């Protein structure tokens, strides 16, 4: 009797709770016969739930419970977002609530068919049938369109191939952009939006839920058109441009915000049990790929203020002794103010080519960035260092100077008055980059963030890296003033001198 009661309680928990259900079933993974697209047998997913998956399953639970009506997830490739959103969740909600109709949409029809086949495989498991007292309808035939005996229906559809048929109690859209070529096409992005708005949304019943999960490809993708202007990666309830209130979960591959939704420290990886330390390294080499697909903050390939072709990646930097080296810093006086401190080091070669040699960027307390400053000066031995006058007067100046003396770190620090317009502050470096380019190490770990900030400047959320190199530009302007002739004072009139009395003498200074 006790074991029976325990089993009944377990069934009820699995029926009400998505995480309990996901823990009880065998989650379909790779097909047993990969070459057979119609294969109905799958290997079970053995990986334990990652922290991000537990968070996401909780959000999906809140959709089922009516707490969230519109849910959006922004996550990198390989995070198993489709497994739980487009396969496990539909099966659970269809079993829990009889006569529930769910549409799962993708850019094409192949993936919805594959997801539908996996979802249908779950309904054949005995645990599913015991929990919900329902099973696959005998009238079901297609992998992308089937039903349960309790009247619930599953429909998988390719967005651009047309969505027709019954209305839905819930719609799920999962990666509506196929790849880079489609993402960069204005025509396809507009066609995708039209299909989303006219075909998919019109299938929703008045009180239907909507779930969107995607890896960001472009600022103008579906998520970008929904999210508000100036969206900076925050999570939670957000009022969006489509006039609706969405619950957004943004999980970049590496944490960037102090209020990271997973509670990670800046730089910590998603799912470290699965993604090893070197997993993301190859993707960081492509700045646009890393910023968009992995960090969920796509920036335009071509910026309005800085042009992409002005950045010139090189495999190897020149030897230090061949360069005149300079530095610049944009200081954040408080560690928890949301701003970054940036130290940038640049080198000028004999032909006037400018190299960005090193860059340090972190939300850090003053003692930490002071030590980082001293480390960079010790390593690169710059001729001069630029900083903003107002920032260094905020009580940090004496501490910085004391640490420099303690560590015997010496560099001439040049201070520049703060200017209100950030575009004006960057004009010196912008002009130099437009004429000569800025050479950057192709494998630098900071290159992706740097390129992204340049592309979104001056409208982007952060401009600290631009400010730092802008100060270097001002320093170079000050140190390399071109020689020009200047008039001396007029000589006293001498009527015995044959030269004209108002003649001006010139000299080169």
Protein backbone atom coordinates (compact mmCIF):
# COMPACT_ATOMS: atom_id res chain seq x y z
CA UNK A 1 0.00 0.00 0.00
CA UNK A 2 2.78 2.41 0.96
CA UNK A 3 4.66 1.76 -2.29
CA UNK A 4 1.44 2.29 -4.27
CA UNK A 5 0.79 5.62 -2.56
CA UNK A 6 4.37 6.65 -3.21
CA UNK A 7 3.99 5.76 -6.88
CA UNK A 8 0.75 7.74 -7.13
CA UNK A 9 2.38 10.76 -5.48
CA UNK A 10 5.29 10.48 -7.90
CA UNK A 11 2.91 10.39 -10.84
CA UNK A 12 1.10 13.48 -9.60
CA UNK A 13 4.39 15.37 -9.15
CA UNK A 14 5.53 14.38 -12.64
CA UNK A 15 2.17 15.46 -14.03
CA UNK A 16 2.34 18.89 -12.43
CA UNK A 17 6.09 19.51 -12.51
CA UNK A 18 8.13 19.65 -15.72
CA UNK A 19 11.49 19.05 -14.02
CA UNK A 20 10.19 15.93 -12.26
CA UNK A 21 8.81 14.67 -15.56
CA UNK A 22 12.08 15.41 -17.42
CA UNK A 23 13.97 13.52 -14.72
CA UNK A 24 11.69 10.47 -15.01
CA UNK A 25 11.63 9.97 -18.78
CA UNK A 26 14.35 8.92 -21.19
CA UNK A 27 15.12 12.09 -23.11
CA UNK A 28 15.75 11.26 -26.79
CA UNK A 29 19.18 12.24 -28.05
CA UNK A 30 20.99 11.13 -31.18
CA UNK A 31 19.20 8.57 -33.40
CA UNK A 32 20.47 5.00 -33.20
CA UNK A 33 20.88 5.03 -36.99
CA UNK A 34 22.16 8.54 -37.85
CA UNK A 35 21.96 7.95 -41.61
CA UNK A 36 18.26 7.11 -41.42
CA UNK A 37 16.25 10.33 -41.23
CA UNK A 38 13.10 8.37 -40.36
CA UNK A 39 14.75 6.50 -37.48
CA UNK A 40 12.34 6.19 -34.51
CA UNK A 41 14.94 4.90 -32.03
CA UNK A 42 17.11 7.31 -30.05
CA UNK A 43 19.92 7.10 -27.57
CA UNK A 44 19.03 8.57 -24.19
CA UNK A 45 20.60 11.84 -23.11
CA UNK A 46 22.88 10.93 -20.19
CA UNK A 47 24.22 14.37 -19.27
CA UNK A 48 23.07 15.78 -15.95
CA UNK A 49 21.03 18.97 -15.95
CA UNK A 50 23.15 22.08 -16.23
CA UNK A 51 22.40 25.11 -14.10
CA UNK A 52 21.05 26.97 -17.13
CA UNK A 53 18.74 24.07 -17.99
CA UNK A 54 17.29 23.99 -14.48
CA UNK A 55 16.64 27.73 -14.75
CA UNK A 56 15.03 27.34 -18.16
CA UNK A 57 12.86 24.39 -17.08
CA UNK A 58 11.62 26.52 -14.20
CA UNK A 59 10.67 29.29 -16.66
CA UNK A 60 8.86 26.78 -18.87
CA UNK A 61 7.03 25.56 -15.77
CA UNK A 62 5.89 29.13 -15.10
CA UNK A 63 4.50 29.27 -18.64
CA UNK A 64 2.44 26.14 -17.94
CA UNK A 65 1.25 27.55 -14.63
CA UNK A 66 0.14 30.80 -16.30
CA UNK A 67 2.71 33.07 -14.63
CA UNK A 68 4.46 33.89 -17.91
CA UNK A 69 2.59 34.42 -21.16
CA UNK A 70 5.54 35.27 -23.42
CA UNK A 71 8.95 33.73 -22.77
CA UNK A 72 12.14 34.38 -24.75
CA UNK A 73 15.43 32.53 -24.30
CA UNK A 74 18.73 33.72 -25.79
CA UNK A 75 21.40 31.03 -25.52
CA UNK A 76 24.48 29.85 -27.44
CA UNK A 77 24.60 26.81 -29.74
CA UNK A 78 24.87 23.46 -27.99
CA UNK A 79 23.08 24.48 -24.79
CA UNK A 80 20.29 21.90 -25.37
CA UNK A 81 17.63 24.62 -25.52
CA UNK A 82 15.71 22.83 -28.29
CA UNK A 83 15.69 19.51 -26.42
CA UNK A 84 13.75 20.91 -23.48
CA UNK A 85 11.72 23.59 -25.28
CA UNK A 86 10.69 21.94 -28.54
CA UNK A 87 10.62 18.28 -27.47
CA UNK A 88 10.11 17.73 -23.73
CA UNK A 89 7.94 20.76 -22.93
CA UNK A 90 5.27 20.22 -25.66
CA UNK A 91 4.81 16.58 -24.64
CA UNK A 92 4.38 17.52 -20.98
CA UNK A 93 1.91 20.36 -21.57
CA UNK A 94 -0.09 18.21 -24.02
CA UNK A 95 -0.30 15.39 -21.46
CA UNK A 96 -1.09 17.66 -18.52
CA UNK A 97 -3.81 19.65 -20.28
CA UNK A 98 -6.12 17.65 -22.56
CA UNK A 99 -7.05 19.10 -25.97
CA UNK A 100 -4.00 21.39 -26.02
CA UNK A 101 -2.77 22.30 -29.48
CA UNK A 102 0.89 23.27 -29.83
CA UNK A 103 2.74 24.58 -32.89
CA UNK A 104 6.54 24.29 -33.00
CA UNK A 105 8.12 26.41 -35.75
CA UNK A 106 11.62 26.61 -37.20
CA UNK A 107 13.14 28.28 -40.26
CA UNK A 108 12.58 25.05 -42.24
CA UNK A 109 10.53 21.91 -41.95
CA UNK A 110 13.34 19.36 -41.38
CA UNK A 111 14.07 20.23 -37.74
CA UNK A 112 10.38 20.39 -36.65
CA UNK A 113 9.95 16.95 -38.20
CA UNK A 114 12.96 15.66 -36.27
CA UNK A 115 11.75 17.26 -33.02
CA UNK A 116 8.27 15.87 -33.62
CA UNK A 117 9.68 12.38 -34.05
CA UNK A 118 11.58 12.66 -30.74
CA UNK A 119 8.58 14.11 -28.94
CA UNK A 120 6.39 11.32 -30.28
CA UNK A 121 8.95 8.77 -29.04
CA UNK A 122 8.45 10.10 -25.48
CA UNK A 123 4.70 9.44 -25.70
CA UNK A 124 5.48 5.79 -26.40
CA UNK A 125 7.34 5.43 -23.10
CA UNK A 126 5.42 3.64 -20.35
CA UNK A 127 6.28 6.34 -17.81
CA UNK A 128 4.53 8.96 -19.97
CA UNK A 129 1.43 6.79 -20.36
CA UNK A 130 1.29 6.03 -16.61
CA UNK A 131 1.71 9.70 -15.62
CA UNK A 132 -0.90 11.14 -17.98
CA UNK A 133 -3.15 8.16 -18.68
CA UNK A 134 -3.02 8.90 -22.40
CA UNK A 135 -1.12 7.64 -25.39
CA UNK A 136 -0.35 8.32 -29.01
CA UNK A 137 -3.49 8.42 -31.10
CA UNK A 138 -3.87 5.60 -33.62
CA UNK A 139 -4.75 8.23 -36.22
CA UNK A 140 -1.31 9.84 -36.00
CA UNK A 141 0.89 9.27 -39.02
CA UNK A 142 3.26 12.16 -39.77
CA UNK A 143 6.24 12.90 -37.55
CA UNK A 144 5.51 16.62 -37.66
CA UNK A 145 1.75 16.34 -37.06
CA UNK A 146 0.33 13.89 -34.54
CA UNK A 147 -2.13 13.71 -31.66
CA UNK A 148 -2.73 12.08 -28.28
CA UNK A 149 -5.78 10.13 -27.29
CA UNK A 150 -6.72 12.94 -24.86
CA UNK A 151 -7.29 15.26 -27.82
CA UNK A 152 -4.00 17.21 -27.66
CA UNK A 153 -2.24 17.90 -30.97
CA UNK A 154 1.36 18.57 -32.01
CA UNK A 155 2.23 20.41 -35.22
CA UNK A 156 5.76 21.08 -36.43
CA UNK A 157 6.18 23.62 -39.20
CA UNK A 158 8.74 25.46 -41.27
CA UNK A 159 8.07 29.18 -40.95
CA UNK A 160 8.92 30.06 -44.54
CA UNK A 161 7.16 27.02 -45.99
CA UNK A 162 3.80 28.19 -44.72
CA UNK A 163 1.83 27.50 -41.54
CA UNK A 164 -1.79 26.54 -41.99
CA UNK A 165 -4.34 24.50 -40.09
CA UNK A 166 -5.81 24.70 -36.64
CA UNK A 167 -5.45 27.47 -34.11
CA UNK A 168 -3.02 26.87 -31.25
CA UNK A 169 -3.08 27.14 -27.47
CA UNK A 170 0.65 27.77 -27.59
CA UNK A 171 3.33 28.48 -30.18
CA UNK A 172 7.05 27.81 -29.90
CA UNK A 173 9.51 29.33 -32.33
CA UNK A 174 12.98 27.86 -32.27
CA UNK A 175 15.81 29.48 -34.27
CA UNK A 176 13.97 31.18 -37.14
CA UNK A 177 17.26 32.11 -38.86
CA UNK A 178 19.10 29.34 -40.69
CA UNK A 179 22.58 30.81 -40.89
CA UNK A 180 24.82 33.77 -41.66
CA UNK A 181 23.79 34.17 -45.30
CA UNK A 182 20.12 34.39 -44.40
CA UNK A 183 20.79 36.60 -41.38
CA UNK A 184 22.65 39.13 -43.52
CA UNK A 185 19.92 39.27 -46.17
CA UNK A 186 17.54 42.21 -45.70
CA UNK A 187 15.02 40.42 -47.91
CA UNK A 188 15.04 37.14 -45.95
CA UNK A 189 14.94 38.91 -42.59
CA UNK A 190 11.85 40.82 -43.73
CA UNK A 191 10.23 37.68 -45.17
CA UNK A 192 10.92 35.88 -41.89
CA UNK A 193 9.36 38.69 -39.88
CA UNK A 194 6.31 38.79 -42.15
CA UNK A 195 5.85 35.03 -41.83
CA UNK A 196 6.25 35.22 -38.05
CA UNK A 197 3.75 38.07 -37.75
CA UNK A 198 1.21 37.08 -40.41
CA UNK A 199 1.38 33.27 -40.35
CA UNK A 200 2.55 32.13 -36.91
CA UNK A 201 1.03 34.73 -34.58
CA UNK A 202 -2.34 34.53 -36.33
CA UNK A 203 -2.52 30.84 -35.31
CA UNK A 204 -2.63 31.79 -31.63
CA UNK A 205 -5.85 31.60 -29.67
CA UNK A 206 -6.61 34.70 -27.53
CA UNK A 207 -5.01 33.31 -24.36
CA UNK A 208 -2.26 31.25 -26.00
CA UNK A 209 1.30 31.26 -24.69
CA UNK A 210 4.31 32.08 -26.86
CA UNK A 211 7.85 30.79 -26.35
CA UNK A 212 10.77 31.91 -28.47
CA UNK A 213 14.28 30.50 -28.21
CA UNK A 214 17.11 31.55 -30.43
CA UNK A 215 20.77 32.09 -30.91
CA UNK A 216 21.25 35.69 -31.99
CA UNK A 217 22.48 36.18 -35.55
CA UNK A 218 21.78 39.81 -36.32
CA UNK A 219 20.58 42.96 -34.57
CA UNK A 220 17.57 42.90 -36.90
CA UNK A 221 16.59 39.24 -36.34
CA UNK A 222 13.21 38.30 -34.83
CA UNK A 223 14.43 38.73 -31.26
CA UNK A 224 16.08 42.04 -32.19
CA UNK A 225 12.84 43.39 -33.62
CA UNK A 226 10.94 42.40 -30.49
CA UNK A 227 13.44 43.51 -27.82
CA UNK A 228 13.56 47.21 -26.89
CA UNK A 229 16.03 49.72 -28.29
CA UNK A 230 19.28 49.66 -26.37
CA UNK A 231 18.71 46.18 -24.96
CA UNK A 232 21.86 45.25 -23.06
CA UNK A 233 21.49 41.56 -22.17
CA UNK A 234 19.34 41.92 -19.06
CA UNK A 235 16.93 39.18 -17.97
CA UNK A 236 13.45 39.37 -16.46
CA UNK A 237 10.15 40.97 -17.48
CA UNK A 238 10.81 43.52 -20.22
CA UNK A 239 8.43 45.80 -22.11
CA UNK A 240 9.27 45.24 -25.76
CA UNK A 241 8.83 47.01 -29.08
CA UNK A 242 6.05 44.68 -30.22
CA UNK A 243 3.86 46.19 -27.50
CA UNK A 244 4.04 43.09 -25.30
CA UNK A 245 5.69 42.25 -22.01
CA UNK A 246 8.14 39.38 -22.38
CA UNK A 247 10.06 37.40 -19.80
CA UNK A 248 13.57 37.32 -21.27
CA UNK A 249 16.33 34.91 -20.23
CA UNK A 250 19.68 35.91 -21.71
CA UNK A 251 22.51 33.46 -21.05
CA UNK A 252 25.75 34.28 -22.91
CA UNK A 253 28.47 31.67 -23.24
CA UNK A 254 30.59 33.70 -20.83
CA UNK A 255 29.01 35.97 -18.24
CA UNK A 256 29.41 39.68 -18.91
CA UNK A 257 27.02 41.32 -16.45
CA UNK A 258 27.25 41.68 -12.70
CA UNK A 259 23.56 40.69 -12.54
CA UNK A 260 24.06 37.53 -14.60
CA UNK A 261 20.86 35.49 -14.55
CA UNK A 262 22.77 32.37 -13.46
CA UNK A 263 24.63 34.22 -10.74
CA UNK A 264 27.95 33.70 -12.51
CA UNK A 265 30.94 35.96 -12.09
CA UNK A 266 32.05 37.88 -15.15
CA UNK A 267 33.96 35.51 -17.44
CA UNK A 268 32.48 32.27 -16.10
CA UNK A 269 31.23 29.80 -18.73
CA UNK A 270 27.82 28.34 -19.31
CA UNK A 271 27.53 24.62 -18.45
CA UNK A 272 31.20 24.18 -17.44
CA UNK A 273 30.58 20.47 -16.80
CA UNK A 274 29.94 20.08 -20.53
CA UNK A 275 31.84 22.92 -22.18
CA UNK A 276 35.50 22.56 -21.29
CA UNK A 277 37.91 25.44 -20.83
CA UNK A 278 39.09 25.36 -24.46
CA UNK A 279 35.72 24.68 -26.10
CA UNK A 280 34.96 28.30 -26.98
CA UNK A 281 38.50 29.29 -28.00
CA UNK A 282 38.07 28.67 -31.78
CA UNK A 283 34.87 30.71 -31.90
CA UNK A 284 36.48 33.69 -30.19
CA UNK A 285 38.79 34.07 -33.18
CA UNK A 286 35.84 35.30 -35.22
CA UNK A 287 34.73 38.44 -33.42
CA UNK A 288 31.32 38.67 -35.03
CA UNK A 289 30.50 35.00 -34.46
CA UNK A 290 31.53 35.18 -30.83
CA UNK A 291 29.63 38.38 -30.08
CA UNK A 292 26.42 37.30 -31.81
CA UNK A 293 26.01 33.52 -31.57
CA UNK A 294 27.76 33.02 -28.25
CA UNK A 295 27.39 36.26 -26.32
CA UNK A 296 23.90 37.13 -27.65
CA UNK A 297 24.79 40.72 -28.53
CA UNK A 298 25.07 41.00 -32.29
CA UNK A 299 26.60 44.21 -33.55
CA UNK A 300 26.41 45.52 -37.10
CA UNK A 301 29.28 44.32 -39.25
CA UNK A 302 29.67 47.88 -40.50
CA UNK A 303 29.59 50.57 -37.85
CA UNK A 304 28.37 54.11 -38.41
CA UNK A 305 31.39 55.76 -36.77
CA UNK A 306 34.15 53.14 -37.07
CA UNK A 307 34.33 51.05 -40.24
CA UNK A 308 35.10 47.34 -40.08
CA UNK A 309 37.87 47.56 -42.69
CA UNK A 310 39.80 49.95 -40.47
CA UNK A 311 40.61 47.06 -38.13
CA UNK A 312 43.46 45.04 -39.63
CA UNK A 313 44.15 41.74 -37.83
CA UNK A 314 47.74 40.46 -37.90
CA UNK A 315 49.09 37.10 -36.82
CA UNK A 316 52.26 38.53 -35.29
CA UNK A 317 53.02 41.87 -33.69
CA UNK A 318 56.26 43.76 -34.38
CA UNK A 319 59.07 43.49 -31.84
CA UNK A 320 58.66 45.94 -28.97
CA UNK A 321 61.98 47.65 -29.58
CA UNK A 322 60.82 48.70 -33.06
CA UNK A 323 57.80 50.61 -31.72
CA UNK A 324 57.12 53.85 -29.91
CA UNK A 325 54.64 52.70 -27.29
CA UNK A 326 51.84 54.71 -25.65
CA UNK A 327 48.96 53.94 -23.32
CA UNK A 328 45.57 55.29 -22.35
CA UNK A 329 43.09 54.58 -19.57
CA UNK A 330 39.38 55.09 -19.05
CA UNK A 331 38.88 54.73 -15.31
CA UNK A 332 35.72 53.62 -13.52
CA UNK A 333 36.06 55.08 -10.05
CA UNK A 334 33.62 52.63 -8.39
CA UNK A 335 33.72 48.86 -8.89
CA UNK A 336 29.94 48.39 -8.66
CA UNK A 337 28.88 51.33 -10.80
CA UNK A 338 28.30 49.23 -13.90
CA UNK A 339 31.22 50.71 -15.84
CA UNK A 340 34.50 49.11 -16.87
CA UNK A 341 38.02 50.36 -16.33
CA UNK A 342 40.05 49.99 -19.51
CA UNK A 343 43.80 50.21 -20.04
CA UNK A 344 44.93 50.18 -23.66
CA UNK A 345 48.48 49.95 -25.01
CA UNK A 346 49.33 50.96 -28.58
CA UNK A 347 52.56 51.02 -30.57
CA UNK A 348 53.58 53.18 -33.53
CA UNK A 349 56.10 51.78 -35.99
CA UNK A 350 58.55 53.70 -38.17
CA UNK A 351 56.09 53.80 -41.07
CA UNK A 352 53.28 55.30 -39.01
CA UNK A 353 51.29 52.08 -38.56
CA UNK A 354 49.50 51.92 -35.22
CA UNK A 355 49.13 48.59 -33.38
CA UNK A 356 46.78 47.94 -30.47
CA UNK A 357 49.17 45.79 -28.46
CA UNK A 358 47.24 45.03 -25.31
CA UNK A 359 43.94 45.78 -23.64
CA UNK A 360 42.78 45.25 -20.05
CA UNK A 361 39.06 45.68 -19.30
CA UNK A 362 37.25 44.83 -16.10
CA UNK A 363 34.68 46.02 -13.59
CA UNK A 364 37.13 46.29 -10.73
CA UNK A 365 37.92 48.24 -7.60
CA UNK A 366 40.64 50.86 -7.82
CA UNK A 367 43.29 48.74 -6.09
CA UNK A 368 42.90 46.04 -8.75
CA UNK A 369 43.02 48.30 -11.79
CA UNK A 370 45.94 50.27 -10.32
CA UNK A 371 47.94 47.03 -10.13
CA UNK A 372 46.89 46.16 -13.67
CA UNK A 373 48.06 49.60 -14.82
CA UNK A 374 51.43 49.08 -13.16
CA UNK A 375 51.73 45.60 -14.72
CA UNK A 376 51.15 47.00 -18.21
CA UNK A 377 53.62 49.84 -17.74
CA UNK A 378 56.23 47.39 -16.46
CA UNK A 379 55.69 45.07 -19.41
CA UNK A 380 55.45 47.57 -22.29
CA UNK A 381 57.49 50.55 -20.94
CA UNK A 382 55.45 53.20 -22.77
CA UNK A 383 56.71 56.69 -23.58
CA UNK A 384 53.52 58.34 -22.35
CA UNK A 385 50.12 57.51 -20.90
CA UNK A 386 46.85 59.38 -21.42
CA UNK A 387 44.07 59.72 -18.88
CA UNK A 388 41.05 61.91 -18.26
CA UNK A 389 41.69 64.68 -15.80
CA UNK A 390 38.43 64.47 -13.86
CA UNK A 391 38.63 60.73 -13.26
CA UNK A 392 42.07 60.69 -11.67
CA UNK A 393 41.14 63.50 -9.27
CA UNK A 394 38.49 61.33 -7.59
CA UNK A 395 40.81 60.28 -4.78
CA UNK A 396 42.65 57.64 -6.78
CA UNK A 397 45.52 59.77 -8.04
CA UNK A 398 47.66 59.74 -4.86
CA UNK A 399 47.18 55.99 -4.44
CA UNK A 400 48.20 55.35 -8.06
CA UNK A 401 51.32 57.49 -7.69
CA UNK A 402 52.30 55.77 -4.44
CA UNK A 403 51.99 52.33 -6.05
CA UNK A 404 54.07 53.47 -9.00
CA UNK A 405 56.84 54.61 -6.64
CA UNK A 406 56.61 51.43 -4.58
CA UNK A 407 56.95 49.27 -7.69
CA UNK A 408 59.43 51.65 -9.37
CA UNK A 409 57.07 52.03 -12.33
CA UNK A 410 57.66 55.23 -14.27
CA UNK A 411 55.75 56.77 -17.15
CA UNK A 412 54.83 60.33 -18.10
CA UNK A 413 51.07 60.62 -17.55
CA UNK A 414 49.28 63.19 -19.69
CA UNK A 415 45.88 64.40 -18.55
CA UNK A 416 43.15 65.58 -20.88
CA UNK A 417 40.11 67.62 -20.00
CA UNK A 418 36.81 65.72 -20.18
CA UNK A 419 34.61 66.46 -23.18
CA UNK A 420 30.88 65.95 -23.12
CA UNK A 421 30.46 64.48 -26.60
CA UNK A 422 31.94 60.98 -26.73
CA UNK A 423 32.12 61.08 -30.54
CA UNK A 424 34.30 64.20 -30.33
CA UNK A 425 36.54 62.46 -27.79
CA UNK A 426 37.13 59.63 -30.25
CA UNK A 427 37.66 61.80 -33.31
CA UNK A 428 41.45 61.80 -33.13
CA UNK A 429 41.67 58.01 -33.20
CA UNK A 430 38.89 57.76 -35.77
CA UNK A 431 40.75 59.99 -38.21
CA UNK A 432 43.98 58.06 -37.74
CA UNK A 433 42.22 54.70 -38.22
CA UNK A 434 40.43 55.93 -41.35
CA UNK A 435 43.75 56.91 -42.92
CA UNK A 436 46.16 54.24 -41.68
CA UNK A 437 44.00 51.58 -40.03
CA UNK A 438 44.49 50.03 -36.61
CA UNK A 439 46.43 46.77 -36.52
CA UNK A 440 45.24 44.27 -33.92
CA UNK A 441 46.45 40.78 -32.90
CA UNK A 442 44.09 38.32 -34.59
CA UNK A 443 44.16 35.86 -31.68
CA UNK A 444 43.66 38.40 -28.89
CA UNK A 445 40.97 37.26 -26.43
CA UNK A 446 39.65 40.82 -26.17
CA UNK A 447 39.26 41.39 -29.91
CA UNK A 448 35.62 40.25 -30.18
CA UNK A 449 34.42 42.67 -27.49
CA UNK A 450 36.55 45.46 -28.89
CA UNK A 451 35.25 45.00 -32.44
CA UNK A 452 31.67 44.83 -31.20
CA UNK A 453 31.99 48.07 -29.26
CA UNK A 454 33.53 49.86 -32.23
CA UNK A 455 30.72 48.67 -34.51
CA UNK A 456 27.96 49.86 -32.16
CA UNK A 457 29.62 53.17 -31.21
CA UNK A 458 28.30 55.74 -30.35
CA UNK A 459 24.87 54.12 -29.84
CA UNK A 460 26.18 51.07 -27.95
CA UNK A 461 25.73 50.35 -24.27
CA UNK A 462 29.45 50.67 -23.49
CA UNK A 463 32.09 53.03 -24.85
CA UNK A 464 34.94 52.57 -22.36
CA UNK A 465 37.29 50.88 -24.86
CA UNK A 466 36.64 53.61 -27.41
CA UNK A 467 37.33 56.23 -24.74
CA UNK A 468 40.66 54.58 -23.88
CA UNK A 469 41.94 54.48 -27.47
CA UNK A 470 40.49 57.95 -28.03
CA UNK A 471 42.75 59.22 -25.25
CA UNK A 472 45.72 57.59 -26.97
CA UNK A 473 44.71 59.43 -30.15
CA UNK A 474 44.68 62.73 -28.28
CA UNK A 475 48.06 61.92 -26.75
CA UNK A 476 49.55 61.24 -30.18
CA UNK A 477 48.12 64.53 -31.47
CA UNK A 478 49.75 66.39 -28.60
CA UNK A 479 53.15 64.71 -28.94
CA UNK A 480 53.41 64.97 -32.71
CA UNK A 481 52.60 68.57 -33.55
CA UNK A 482 53.84 69.30 -37.09
CA UNK A 483 56.47 72.01 -37.45
CA UNK A 484 55.33 75.19 -39.12
CA UNK A 485 56.85 78.63 -39.64
CA UNK A 486 55.92 81.32 -37.16
CA UNK A 487 56.58 85.04 -37.53
CA UNK A 488 58.91 86.76 -35.11
CA UNK A 489 58.20 90.20 -33.73
CA UNK A 490 58.70 93.07 -36.13
CA UNK A 491 62.24 94.50 -35.94
CA UNK A 492 62.64 98.15 -34.96
CA UNK A 493 62.52 100.62 -37.84
CA UNK A 494 66.00 101.31 -39.22
CA UNK A 495 65.97 103.97 -41.90
CA UNK A 496 69.60 103.20 -42.82
CA UNK A 497 68.70 99.57 -43.59
CA UNK A 498 68.02 98.92 -47.22
CA UNK A 499 65.37 96.30 -46.35
CA UNK A 500 61.73 97.39 -46.13
CA UNK A 501 60.94 98.52 -42.61
CA UNK A 502 57.74 96.40 -42.44
CA UNK A 503 59.38 93.20 -43.69
CA UNK A 504 58.75 90.17 -41.48
CA UNK A 505 61.47 87.71 -40.57
CA UNK A 506 60.52 84.00 -40.37
CA UNK A 507 62.03 81.07 -38.67
CA UNK A 508 61.13 77.39 -38.38
CA UNK A 509 60.37 76.13 -34.90
